[in-house]
Amino acid sequence: MSVLEQIEEVLVVEEVVVDQNDIILYNDDHNTFDHVINQLVKYCDHQLTQAEQCAYIVHYNGKCQVKRGEFKKLKPICEALLDQGLTAKIE
C-alpha cells in the first residue's frame, strides 16, 4: 500500500478556555459577623459553616476569596455584596 492510498485521520480538538475570577471579600470595621455571614449565604450560596469560616478568615487575614467563576456571573454577586455594605472586589 502506498502512502497516497493511506487514509489520514485528523483529530480536531476544540478547547474552550474560560477565564476564572474570584470575588475577594475584605475586612472592615463596621459589619458584624452575622451580617457578613448572612450575605455570603444569600448571595454566594454558601452553607452556614462555609460562610462562618470565610467571615473568620476575613477577620483574621484581612481578606478571603468567597466565590470563583466567570466575570459575568460574579459581577452581580459582587455588586449585591457592595450594596449590602461589604467591601468586595473581583480579581
Protein backbone atom coordinates (compact mmCIF):
# COMPACT_ATOMS: atom_id res chain seq x y z
CA MET A 1 0.00 0.00 0.00
CA SER A 2 1.44 3.32 -1.00
CA VAL A 3 1.43 6.43 1.12
CA LEU A 4 -1.16 8.01 -1.17
CA GLU A 5 -3.54 5.16 -0.56
CA GLN A 6 -3.46 5.50 3.18
CA ILE A 7 -6.28 7.37 4.80
CA GLU A 8 -5.15 10.02 7.16
CA GLU A 9 -7.39 10.84 10.08
CA VAL A 10 -7.20 14.25 11.57
CA LEU A 11 -8.48 14.70 15.06
CA VAL A 12 -9.59 18.21 15.82
CA VAL A 13 -9.78 19.08 19.48
CA GLU A 14 -11.57 22.26 20.35
CA GLU A 15 -10.70 23.66 23.72
CA VAL A 16 -12.78 26.34 25.32
CA VAL A 17 -10.80 28.46 27.71
CA VAL A 18 -12.88 30.27 30.29
CA ASP A 19 -11.19 32.84 32.45
CA GLN A 20 -11.98 32.32 36.10
CA ASN A 21 -12.08 35.22 38.51
CA ASP A 22 -12.55 35.48 42.25
CA ILE A 23 -14.65 37.66 44.49
CA ILE A 24 -12.40 38.78 47.31
CA LEU A 25 -14.09 39.94 50.49
CA TYR A 26 -12.12 42.40 52.63
CA ASN A 27 -12.23 43.12 56.32
CA ASP A 28 -13.82 46.33 57.58
CA ASP A 29 -14.63 47.85 60.95
CA HIS A 30 -18.37 48.30 60.57
CA ASN A 31 -20.01 45.00 59.52
CA THR A 32 -20.92 42.39 62.11
CA PHE A 33 -20.08 38.72 61.73
CA ASP A 34 -23.79 37.92 61.47
CA HIS A 35 -24.31 40.42 58.65
CA VAL A 36 -21.31 39.12 56.67
CA ILE A 37 -22.38 35.50 57.18
CA ASN A 38 -25.96 36.20 56.13
CA GLN A 39 -24.84 37.97 52.94
CA LEU A 40 -22.47 35.15 51.98
CA VAL A 41 -25.27 32.63 52.44
CA LYS A 42 -27.72 34.78 50.48
CA TYR A 43 -25.57 35.92 47.55
CA CYS A 44 -22.70 33.43 47.29
CA ASP A 45 -24.79 30.32 48.00
CA HIS A 46 -22.56 29.37 50.92
CA GLN A 47 -23.64 26.88 53.54
CA LEU A 48 -23.74 28.40 57.02
CA THR A 49 -20.49 26.73 58.10
CA GLN A 50 -18.66 27.88 54.96
CA ALA A 51 -19.89 31.45 55.44
CA GLU A 52 -18.77 31.42 59.08
CA GLN A 53 -15.31 30.16 58.09
CA CYS A 54 -14.98 32.87 55.44
CA ALA A 55 -16.01 35.54 57.94
CA TYR A 56 -13.30 34.39 60.35
CA ILE A 57 -10.69 34.24 57.57
CA VAL A 58 -11.59 37.81 56.56
CA HIS A 59 -11.41 38.94 60.18
CA TYR A 60 -8.01 37.39 60.91
CA ASN A 61 -6.32 37.61 57.47
CA GLY A 62 -7.89 40.80 56.13
CA LYS A 63 -9.42 39.15 53.08
CA CYS A 64 -10.84 35.90 51.73
CA GLN A 65 -11.78 34.50 48.33
CA VAL A 66 -15.52 33.84 48.66
CA LYS A 67 -16.64 32.96 45.12
CA ARG A 68 -14.95 31.76 41.90
CA GLY A 69 -16.34 31.84 38.38
CA GLU A 70 -16.72 33.75 35.17
CA PHE A 71 -16.66 37.54 35.46
CA LYS A 72 -20.16 37.98 34.02
CA LYS A 73 -21.59 35.67 36.69
CA LEU A 74 -19.59 37.20 39.53
CA LYS A 75 -20.37 40.83 38.73
CA PRO A 76 -23.98 40.89 40.00
CA ILE A 77 -22.97 38.92 43.11
CA CYS A 78 -20.16 41.36 43.90
CA GLU A 79 -22.46 44.32 43.31
CA ALA A 80 -25.02 42.82 45.70
CA LEU A 81 -22.35 42.39 48.39
CA LEU A 82 -21.27 46.00 47.88
CA ASP A 83 -24.90 47.15 48.09
CA GLN A 84 -25.11 45.41 51.47
CA GLY A 85 -22.17 47.44 52.75
CA LEU A 86 -19.47 44.78 52.39
CA THR A 87 -16.09 45.52 50.88
CA ALA A 88 -15.51 43.21 47.93
CA LYS A 89 -13.72 43.19 44.60
CA ILE A 90 -13.45 40.90 41.59
CA GLU A 91 -9.88 39.86 40.84
